[in-house]
C-alpha cells in the first residue's frame, strides 16, 4: 500500500523544536523532522515520550520554546487560525474533547460555518465529509447517541470539512476494538492515497503500520531516535527495545526463530503475507510438489 512520493515538497517541517511545560519538564528536545506532501508518517513512541506534545506543537496549539514549525513552507506563527485550520486538521485521542454540537450535522458544519461560507457550500462539505468517513446517514443523529467508534469518525469528518492538506492524529485507534482499528487505518489510508492528504499519526500501535506507513519516526524522551522506512525501523530490535517498543508480532516471531532456534530465514517479515512467503521458501521443493498434487485432486 505504500507509494512513491518522488520529489514532493515539504508539508510540515520542524527545525530544532524544543518544548518545556510550565513546571519545567522538557518534553521535546531539538526535534528536526520533515513530512512531505502526501506522505503517511507514524510518530511511534511509548507513553510519555513526547508524541502528543509534538502533535500539539505541529497543530499550533503549543508554541515551541526554541525552533520553528513550517506549514507548506510558511512559518506557523505567521498563519492566522482561519488559514492554519484550512491547511492542518487535528484529531484528538478522545472524540469527546472535540465534539460539542447537538447533532452530527451541526458539529461537522461548525468549522465551515465559521469560515463564513455560503450555506449551500457548508451543507455540501458536511455531506461530503460524512460520506468520506462512512457516516453518510449520521447527519441528524445526536452526538451522545453515537458509539465511541462513531464519534471518532464524526470528529474526523469535522476536520475534513475544513479541507486540510495535512492531518494530525493523536492515537486515532485508541479505544477501538480490532475491527474498529482496521476500519480507521483503512480510512486514513484511503484519504492519504486517494486524496493526497499528508497523514501524521502518533501511536504506539506497531502491527498494522507496515501496511500503511511510508516512514516511522521513533521518539524516546522527547528526541527522535530514528526516522526511516518501515522496514529499517522494525528490524532494529535494539533501538525499539531502547525506546520501550516492540517489533510487530510476526517480525518478533521470526527474529526469535532466527536467533534462538537457528532457523535459516533470510530476512525478517513485517506482515503475515511476507511471513507466509518466507515460510514457503523453507519447505523442500519435493514436499511442495506433493502438496500441489494433493490440492489438485
Foldseek 3Di string as FASTA:
>chain_A
DDDDPDPAAWFKWWAQFWAADPVGQTQAGGDTDTFGFLAEEEAAFDPSQRPVVVLCCRLVNDPTPDTFMDGRRHTPVVDDPLRSLLAEFEQEQFLVVQADDQFLLRRLLVSVVVNVDDPVLSNVLLQVLCVLLVNNPRGGPGLVPDDRLVSLSSSSSSSCSSNHLEYEYENSCPPHDPVSSVSVQVSVQCCSVVVRRYYYYYDNDAQCCLVGHQWYFYTANNYTPDIHGSQVVLQPQVVQVVRVHHHHPQQVVVVCCCPPVVDPFPDRDRHPVVSVVRVVVSDDPVVVVVVVVVVVD
